[in-house]
C-alpha atoms as a PDB file:
ATOM      1  CA  UNK A   1       0.000   0.000   0.000  1.00  0.00           C
ATOM      2  CA  UNK A   2       1.079   3.569  -0.661  1.00  0.00           C
ATOM      3  CA  UNK A   3       1.932   5.479   2.536  1.00  0.00           C
ATOM      4  CA  UNK A   4      -0.730   7.940   3.582  1.00  0.00           C
ATOM      5  CA  UNK A   5       0.134  11.492   2.650  1.00  0.00           C
ATOM      6  CA  UNK A   6       0.119  14.088   5.402  1.00  0.00           C
ATOM      7  CA  UNK A   7      -2.382  16.867   5.194  1.00  0.00           C
ATOM      8  CA  UNK A   8      -0.880  20.331   4.587  1.00  0.00           C
ATOM      9  CA  UNK A   9      -1.827  21.409   8.101  1.00  0.00           C
ATOM     10  CA  UNK A  10      -0.132  18.402   9.693  1.00  0.00           C
ATOM     11  CA  UNK A  11       2.936  18.844   7.516  1.00  0.00           C
ATOM     12  CA  UNK A  12       3.290  22.484   8.533  1.00  0.00           C
ATOM     13  CA  UNK A  13       2.832  21.552  12.191  1.00  0.00           C
ATOM     14  CA  UNK A  14       5.530  18.899  12.018  1.00  0.00           C
ATOM     15  CA  UNK A  15       7.949  21.258  10.291  1.00  0.00           C
ATOM     16  CA  UNK A  16       7.383  23.926  12.934  1.00  0.00           C
ATOM     17  CA  UNK A  17       7.767  21.362  15.706  1.00  0.00           C
ATOM     18  CA  UNK A  18      11.028  20.107  14.173  1.00  0.00           C
ATOM     19  CA  UNK A  19      12.344  23.671  13.901  1.00  0.00           C
ATOM     20  CA  UNK A  20      11.433  24.353  17.540  1.00  0.00           C
ATOM     21  CA  UNK A  21      13.078  21.084  18.621  1.00  0.00           C
ATOM     22  CA  UNK A  22      16.312  21.979  16.808  1.00  0.00           C
ATOM     23  CA  UNK A  23      16.312  25.469  18.362  1.00  0.00           C
ATOM     24  CA  UNK A  24      15.841  24.048  21.862  1.00  0.00           C
ATOM     25  CA  UNK A  25      18.697  21.587  21.381  1.00  0.00           C
ATOM     26  CA  UNK A  26      20.959  24.352  20.066  1.00  0.00           C
ATOM     27  CA  UNK A  27      20.105  26.527  23.075  1.00  0.00           C
ATOM     28  CA  UNK A  28      20.926  23.643  25.404  1.00  0.00           C
ATOM     29  CA  UNK A  29      24.259  23.061  23.633  1.00  0.00           C
ATOM     30  CA  UNK A  30      25.059  26.780  23.916  1.00  0.00           C
ATOM     31  CA  UNK A  31      24.432  26.700  27.656  1.00  0.00           C
ATOM     32  CA  UNK A  32      26.719  23.684  28.005  1.00  0.00           C
ATOM     33  CA  UNK A  33      29.484  25.615  26.248  1.00  0.00           C
ATOM     34  CA  UNK A  34      28.793  28.589  28.507  1.00  0.00           C
ATOM     35  CA  UNK A  35      29.007  26.285  31.518  1.00  0.00           C
ATOM     36  CA  UNK A  36      32.493  25.112  30.530  1.00  0.00           C
ATOM     37  CA  UNK A  37      33.546  28.715  29.872  1.00  0.00           C
ATOM     38  CA  UNK A  38      32.221  29.861  33.261  1.00  0.00           C
ATOM     39  CA  UNK A  39      33.967  27.014  35.084  1.00  0.00           C
ATOM     40  CA  UNK A  40      37.260  27.926  33.421  1.00  0.00           C
ATOM     41  CA  UNK A  41      36.712  31.600  34.320  1.00  0.00           C
ATOM     42  CA  UNK A  42      36.019  30.793  37.973  1.00  0.00           C
ATOM     43  CA  UNK A  43      39.120  28.620  38.177  1.00  0.00           C
ATOM     44  CA  UNK A  44      41.251  31.336  36.564  1.00  0.00           C
ATOM     45  CA  UNK A  45      39.986  34.111  38.834  1.00  0.00           C
ATOM     46  CA  UNK A  46      40.381  31.933  41.924  1.00  0.00           C
ATOM     47  CA  UNK A  47      44.001  31.194  41.007  1.00  0.00           C
ATOM     48  CA  UNK A  48      44.725  34.877  40.414  1.00  0.00           C
ATOM     49  CA  UNK A  49      43.229  35.961  43.723  1.00  0.00           C
ATOM     50  CA  UNK A  50      45.445  33.515  45.580  1.00  0.00           C
ATOM     51  CA  UNK A  51      48.605  34.634  43.781  1.00  0.00           C
ATOM     52  CA  UNK A  52      51.021  37.068  45.472  1.00  0.00           C
ATOM     53  CA  UNK A  53      50.909  40.704  44.279  1.00  0.00           C
ATOM     54  CA  UNK A  54      53.291  41.608  41.467  1.00  0.00           C
ATOM     55  CA  UNK A  55      54.986  44.942  40.730  1.00  0.00           C
ATOM     56  CA  UNK A  56      53.068  47.399  38.573  1.00  0.00           C
ATOM     57  CA  UNK A  57      55.563  46.916  35.734  1.00  0.00           C
ATOM     58  CA  UNK A  58      54.367  43.332  35.218  1.00  0.00           C
ATOM     59  CA  UNK A  59      50.756  44.453  34.847  1.00  0.00           C
ATOM     60  CA  UNK A  60      51.839  47.178  32.416  1.00  0.00           C
ATOM     61  CA  UNK A  61      53.748  44.675  30.287  1.00  0.00           C
ATOM     62  CA  UNK A  62      50.828  42.254  30.237  1.00  0.00           C
ATOM     63  CA  UNK A  63      48.381  45.019  29.295  1.00  0.00           C
ATOM     64  CA  UNK A  64      50.690  46.233  26.530  1.00  0.00           C
ATOM     65  CA  UNK A  65      50.714  42.714  25.060  1.00  0.00           C
ATOM     66  CA  UNK A  66      46.921  42.604  25.078  1.00  0.00           C
ATOM     67  CA  UNK A  67      46.830  40.107  27.932  1.00  0.00           C
ATOM     68  CA  UNK A  68      44.048  39.764  30.480  1.00  0.00           C
ATOM     69  CA  UNK A  69      44.941  41.736  33.607  1.00  0.00           C
ATOM     70  CA  UNK A  70      41.584  41.381  35.404  1.00  0.00           C
ATOM     71  CA  UNK A  71      41.824  40.543  39.126  1.00  0.00           C
ATOM     72  CA  UNK A  72      45.604  40.177  39.131  1.00  0.00           C
ATOM     73  CA  UNK A  73      47.060  41.279  42.489  1.00  0.00           C
ATOM     74  CA  UNK A  74      49.435  44.221  42.147  1.00  0.00           C
ATOM     75  CA  UNK A  75      51.379  46.569  44.379  1.00  0.00           C
ATOM     76  CA  UNK A  76      52.246  50.168  43.539  1.00  0.00           C
ATOM     77  CA  UNK A  77      53.686  53.216  45.281  1.00  0.00           C
ATOM     78  CA  UNK A  78      53.035  56.892  44.680  1.00  0.00           C
ATOM     79  CA  UNK A  79      51.357  60.037  45.962  1.00  0.00           C
ATOM     80  CA  UNK A  80      47.601  60.562  45.825  1.00  0.00           C
ATOM     81  CA  UNK A  81      46.350  63.665  44.022  1.00  0.00           C
ATOM     82  CA  UNK A  82      43.122  64.107  45.940  1.00  0.00           C
ATOM     83  CA  UNK A  83      41.936  67.139  44.001  1.00  0.00           C
ATOM     84  CA  UNK A  84      41.522  64.840  40.994  1.00  0.00           C
ATOM     85  CA  UNK A  85      39.396  62.159  42.639  1.00  0.00           C
ATOM     86  CA  UNK A  86      36.419  60.970  40.592  1.00  0.00           C
ATOM     87  CA  UNK A  87      33.226  59.587  42.111  1.00  0.00           C
ATOM     88  CA  UNK A  88      31.599  56.437  40.756  1.00  0.00           C
ATOM     89  CA  UNK A  89      27.987  55.822  41.809  1.00  0.00           C
ATOM     90  CA  UNK A  90      27.779  52.514  43.689  1.00  0.00           C
ATOM     91  CA  UNK A  91      26.217  50.526  46.494  1.00  0.00           C
ATOM     92  CA  UNK A  92      28.215  48.716  49.126  1.00  0.00           C
ATOM     93  CA  UNK A  93      26.874  46.459  51.854  1.00  0.00           C
ATOM     94  CA  UNK A  94      23.355  47.742  51.230  1.00  0.00           C
ATOM     95  CA  UNK A  95      24.293  51.424  51.361  1.00  0.00           C
ATOM     96  CA  UNK A  96      24.301  53.839  48.422  1.00  0.00           C
ATOM     97  CA  UNK A  97      27.170  56.190  47.799  1.00  0.00           C
ATOM     98  CA  UNK A  98      30.311  56.403  45.696  1.00  0.00           C
ATOM     99  CA  UNK A  99      33.561  54.622  44.966  1.00  0.00           C
ATOM    100  CA  UNK A 100      36.403  57.124  45.139  1.00  0.00           C
ATOM    101  CA  UNK A 101      38.817  56.879  42.212  1.00  0.00           C
ATOM    102  CA  UNK A 102      41.923  58.926  42.964  1.00  0.00           C
ATOM    103  CA  UNK A 103      44.933  59.477  40.671  1.00  0.00           C
ATOM    104  CA  UNK A 104      48.096  58.015  42.167  1.00  0.00           C
ATOM    105  CA  UNK A 105      51.133  59.891  40.870  1.00  0.00           C
ATOM    106  CA  UNK A 106      54.069  57.547  40.314  1.00  0.00           C
ATOM    107  CA  UNK A 107      57.740  58.389  40.754  1.00  0.00           C
ATOM    108  CA  UNK A 108      58.227  58.620  36.969  1.00  0.00           C
ATOM    109  CA  UNK A 109      55.489  61.240  36.597  1.00  0.00           C
ATOM    110  CA  UNK A 110      52.766  58.964  35.261  1.00  0.00           C
ATOM    111  CA  UNK A 111      49.507  58.263  37.107  1.00  0.00           C
ATOM    112  CA  UNK A 112      47.043  55.441  37.645  1.00  0.00           C
ATOM    113  CA  UNK A 113      43.488  55.729  38.963  1.00  0.00           C
ATOM    114  CA  UNK A 114      43.050  53.816  42.223  1.00  0.00           C
ATOM    115  CA  UNK A 115      39.618  52.843  43.502  1.00  0.00           C
ATOM    116  CA  UNK A 116      40.288  53.644  47.146  1.00  0.00           C
ATOM    117  CA  UNK A 117      36.884  52.379  48.264  1.00  0.00           C
ATOM    118  CA  UNK A 118      33.394  53.405  49.252  1.00  0.00           C
ATOM    119  CA  UNK A 119      32.020  56.558  50.862  1.00  0.00           C
ATOM    120  CA  UNK A 120      28.319  57.236  51.693  1.00  0.00           C
ATOM    121  CA  UNK A 121      26.322  59.898  49.862  1.00  0.00           C
ATOM    122  CA  UNK A 122      26.780  62.476  52.604  1.00  0.00           C
ATOM    123  CA  UNK A 123      30.549  61.936  52.603  1.00  0.00           C
ATOM    124  CA  UNK A 124      31.086  62.699  48.913  1.00  0.00           C
ATOM    125  CA  UNK A 125      32.701  66.073  49.609  1.00  0.00           C
ATOM    126  CA  UNK A 126      36.357  65.681  50.508  1.00  0.00           C
ATOM    127  CA  UNK A 127      35.927  68.180  53.361  1.00  0.00           C
ATOM    128  CA  UNK A 128      33.806  65.636  55.241  1.00  0.00           C
ATOM    129  CA  UNK A 129      36.586  63.047  55.347  1.00  0.00           C
ATOM    130  CA  UNK A 130      39.771  65.035  55.554  1.00  0.00           C
ATOM    131  CA  UNK A 131      41.493  62.438  57.743  1.00  0.00           C
ATOM    132  CA  UNK A 132      41.371  59.937  54.896  1.00  0.00           C
ATOM    133  CA  UNK A 133      43.067  62.275  52.420  1.00  0.00           C
ATOM    134  CA  UNK A 134      46.511  60.865  53.133  1.00  0.00           C
ATOM    135  CA  UNK A 135      49.581  62.783  52.042  1.00  0.00           C
ATOM    136  CA  UNK A 136      53.045  61.665  51.087  1.00  0.00           C
ATOM    137  CA  UNK A 137      54.173  58.468  49.417  1.00  0.00           C
ATOM    138  CA  UNK A 138      51.932  55.459  50.014  1.00  0.00           C
ATOM    139  CA  UNK A 139      52.102  51.848  48.907  1.00  0.00           C
ATOM    140  CA  UNK A 140      48.862  50.326  47.649  1.00  0.00           C
ATOM    141  CA  UNK A 141      48.068  46.660  47.180  1.00  0.00           C
ATOM    142  CA  UNK A 142      45.017  45.753  45.173  1.00  0.00           C
ATOM    143  CA  UNK A 143      43.618  44.165  42.036  1.00  0.00           C
ATOM    144  CA  UNK A 144      44.216  45.314  38.482  1.00  0.00           C
ATOM    145  CA  UNK A 145      41.018  46.102  36.575  1.00  0.00           C
ATOM    146  CA  UNK A 146      40.697  46.598  32.838  1.00  0.00           C
ATOM    147  CA  UNK A 147      39.268  49.771  31.370  1.00  0.00           C
ATOM    148  CA  UNK A 148      35.984  49.789  29.432  1.00  0.00           C
ATOM    149  CA  UNK A 149      35.997  50.653  25.750  1.00  0.00           C
ATOM    150  CA  UNK A 150      32.366  51.799  25.782  1.00  0.00           C
ATOM    151  CA  UNK A 151      29.292  52.118  27.964  1.00  0.00           C
ATOM    152  CA  UNK A 152      28.332  48.557  28.954  1.00  0.00           C
ATOM    153  CA  UNK A 153      24.603  48.967  28.252  1.00  0.00           C
ATOM    154  CA  UNK A 154      22.094  51.513  26.996  1.00  0.00           C
ATOM    155  CA  UNK A 155      20.391  51.095  30.377  1.00  0.00           C
ATOM    156  CA  UNK A 156      23.382  52.664  32.128  1.00  0.00           C
ATOM    157  CA  UNK A 157      22.945  56.441  32.536  1.00  0.00           C
ATOM    158  CA  UNK A 158      25.343  58.858  30.926  1.00  0.00           C
ATOM    159  CA  UNK A 159      28.098  60.107  33.185  1.00  0.00           C
ATOM    160  CA  UNK A 160      27.368  63.439  34.861  1.00  0.00           C
ATOM    161  CA  UNK A 161      30.828  64.870  34.451  1.00  0.00           C
ATOM    162  CA  UNK A 162      30.048  68.426  35.707  1.00  0.00           C
ATOM    163  CA  UNK A 163      28.738  66.967  38.980  1.00  0.00           C
ATOM    164  CA  UNK A 164      31.591  64.459  39.137  1.00  0.00           C
ATOM    165  CA  UNK A 165      29.233  61.470  39.164  1.00  0.00           C
ATOM    166  CA  UNK A 166      30.213  58.533  36.965  1.00  0.00           C
ATOM    167  CA  UNK A 167      27.917  55.614  36.181  1.00  0.00           C
ATOM    168  CA  UNK A 168      30.476  53.733  34.117  1.00  0.00           C
ATOM    169  CA  UNK A 169      34.243  53.849  34.174  1.00  0.00           C
ATOM    170  CA  UNK A 170      35.071  56.009  31.171  1.00  0.00           C
ATOM    171  CA  UNK A 171      38.812  56.397  31.678  1.00  0.00           C
ATOM    172  CA  UNK A 172      39.183  59.085  29.028  1.00  0.00           C
ATOM    173  CA  UNK A 173      36.455  61.228  30.595  1.00  0.00           C
ATOM    174  CA  UNK A 174      37.763  60.628  34.093  1.00  0.00           C
ATOM    175  CA  UNK A 175      41.246  61.629  32.979  1.00  0.00           C
ATOM    176  CA  UNK A 176      40.148  64.791  31.190  1.00  0.00           C
ATOM    177  CA  UNK A 177      37.816  65.962  33.953  1.00  0.00           C
ATOM    178  CA  UNK A 178      40.568  65.453  36.529  1.00  0.00           C
ATOM    179  CA  UNK A 179      42.889  67.692  34.509  1.00  0.00           C
ATOM    180  CA  UNK A 180      45.399  64.919  33.823  1.00  0.00           C
ATOM    181  CA  UNK A 181      47.568  64.395  30.755  1.00  0.00           C
ATOM    182  CA  UNK A 182      46.062  61.389  28.957  1.00  0.00           C
ATOM    183  CA  UNK A 183      49.500  60.388  27.692  1.00  0.00           C
ATOM    184  CA  UNK A 184      50.662  59.917  31.287  1.00  0.00           C
ATOM    185  CA  UNK A 185      47.718  57.920  32.656  1.00  0.00           C
ATOM    186  CA  UNK A 186      47.983  54.124  32.666  1.00  0.00           C
ATOM    187  CA  UNK A 187      45.243  52.358  30.661  1.00  0.00           C
ATOM    188  CA  UNK A 188      43.743  50.417  33.569  1.00  0.00           C
ATOM    189  CA  UNK A 189      42.547  50.826  37.139  1.00  0.00           C
ATOM    190  CA  UNK A 190      43.581  49.391  40.502  1.00  0.00           C
ATOM    191  CA  UNK A 191      41.038  48.423  43.167  1.00  0.00           C
ATOM    192  CA  UNK A 192      42.670  48.922  46.569  1.00  0.00           C
ATOM    193  CA  UNK A 193      42.422  46.117  49.120  1.00  0.00           C
ATOM    194  CA  UNK A 194      40.674  46.434  52.474  1.00  0.00           C
ATOM    195  CA  UNK A 195      43.634  47.933  54.327  1.00  0.00           C
ATOM    196  CA  UNK A 196      41.963  50.628  56.492  1.00  0.00           C
ATOM    197  CA  UNK A 197      42.362  54.265  55.578  1.00  0.00           C
ATOM    198  CA  UNK A 198      42.758  56.898  58.319  1.00  0.00           C
ATOM    199  CA  UNK A 199      39.334  57.785  59.652  1.00  0.00           C
ATOM    200  CA  UNK A 200      37.859  54.657  58.076  1.00  0.00           C
ATOM    201  CA  UNK A 201      36.996  56.268  54.737  1.00  0.00           C
ATOM    202  CA  UNK A 202      37.121  55.438  51.941  1.00  0.00           C
ATOM    203  CA  UNK A 203      36.369  51.830  52.925  1.00  0.00           C
ATOM    204  CA  UNK A 204      38.540  49.674  50.686  1.00  0.00           C
ATOM    205  CA  UNK A 205      38.194  46.115  49.483  1.00  0.00           C
ATOM    206  CA  UNK A 206      35.035  46.812  47.488  1.00  0.00           C
ATOM    207  CA  UNK A 207      35.824  44.689  44.427  1.00  0.00           C
ATOM    208  CA  UNK A 208      32.841  42.527  43.582  1.00  0.00           C
ATOM    209  CA  UNK A 209      33.910  39.095  42.459  1.00  0.00           C
ATOM    210  CA  UNK A 210      30.652  37.344  41.718  1.00  0.00           C
ATOM    211  CA  UNK A 211      29.985  35.194  38.679  1.00  0.00           C
ATOM    212  CA  UNK A 212      26.551  33.521  38.816  1.00  0.00           C
ATOM    213  CA  UNK A 213      26.788  30.058  37.302  1.00  0.00           C
ATOM    214  CA  UNK A 214      23.297  28.909  36.346  1.00  0.00           C
ATOM    215  CA  UNK A 215      24.176  27.502  32.944  1.00  0.00           C
ATOM    216  CA  UNK A 216      23.619  23.865  33.960  1.00  0.00           C
ATOM    217  CA  UNK A 217      20.065  24.648  35.061  1.00  0.00           C
ATOM    218  CA  UNK A 218      19.450  26.536  31.830  1.00  0.00           C
ATOM    219  CA  UNK A 219      20.803  23.644  29.756  1.00  0.00           C
ATOM    220  CA  UNK A 220      18.578  21.168  31.580  1.00  0.00           C
ATOM    221  CA  UNK A 221      15.603  23.465  30.990  1.00  0.00           C
ATOM    222  CA  UNK A 222      16.195  23.699  27.237  1.00  0.00           C
ATOM    223  CA  UNK A 223      16.845  19.971  26.851  1.00  0.00           C
ATOM    224  CA  UNK A 224      13.798  19.227  28.990  1.00  0.00           C
ATOM    225  CA  UNK A 225      11.593  21.402  26.796  1.00  0.00           C
ATOM    226  CA  UNK A 226      12.971  19.658  23.731  1.00  0.00           C
ATOM    227  CA  UNK A 227      12.112  16.273  25.252  1.00  0.00           C
ATOM    228  CA  UNK A 228       8.597  17.410  26.174  1.00  0.00           C
ATOM    229  CA  UNK A 229       8.077  18.743  22.654  1.00  0.00           C
ATOM    230  CA  UNK A 230       9.280  15.490  21.086  1.00  0.00           C
ATOM    231  CA  UNK A 231       7.039  13.391  23.300  1.00  0.00           C
ATOM    232  CA  UNK A 232       4.079  15.668  22.676  1.00  0.00           C
ATOM    233  CA  UNK A 233       4.483  15.486  18.894  1.00  0.00           C
ATOM    234  CA  UNK A 234       4.889  11.705  19.025  1.00  0.00           C
ATOM    235  CA  UNK A 235       1.675  11.351  21.043  1.00  0.00           C
ATOM    236  CA  UNK A 236      -0.253  13.590  18.650  1.00  0.00           C
ATOM    237  CA  UNK A 237       1.027  11.699  15.612  1.00  0.00           C
ATOM    238  CA  UNK A 238       0.138   8.355  17.197  1.00  0.00           C
ATOM    239  CA  UNK A 239      -3.347   9.546  18.106  1.00  0.00           C
ATOM    240  CA  UNK A 240      -3.819  10.992  14.644  1.00  0.00           C
ATOM    241  CA  UNK A 241      -2.927   7.712  12.975  1.00  0.00           C
ATOM    242  CA  UNK A 242      -5.276   5.765  15.223  1.00  0.00           C
ATOM    243  CA  UNK A 243      -8.070   8.188  14.433  1.00  0.00           C
ATOM    244  CA  UNK A 244      -7.387   7.901  10.720  1.00  0.00           C
ATOM    245  CA  UNK A 245      -7.408   4.097  10.952  1.00  0.00           C
END
């Protein structure tokens, strides 16, 4: 006997179901790849955080070669130029305020922006925390952080440069508004560790190292939906054939 031809409606339904099944499998495969990438990232960051701090020159060399400097411990010495500090809107331990990014002038005349830590809203003005405006040569230990090439998302507000309120770390804008020579500012940041500053502010050690890893759950969800779809189509086809018989 000749096999029964599918009706146009059934044929279209099966094609759409097959396309949906393929998409669900591809989404599951993508999440599996993301899972492996995230696991490698977590292992890399964990190893870097446990490594001893290196001199600034090593971070500079790595950055110049296009290497990944994120979260690498570093130590650097210089003098803070407090009149050039920039304020980055942030929350810390449930409180809103600012991260204080202050240029650290190195012995060779160049500078690097150091995230000294968090201050509450009402402590934004330097006059309210004069004790923490340390003078003289200091040695800072912290984590190297890469600069951003552009605003991370259209949802992020534009920086309010006249009010010295930054919503994303635009190094060029921070440099210009602080009156620094762009040719003498290093192309990355340093997040200071939690060594206490005089007077307690800024409160250092604010680097957020959190990488949610939900890719396994997402993969299971996509594969599960694909399985449900396949079973559902099989049941409908079986019932349809029985009805036709």
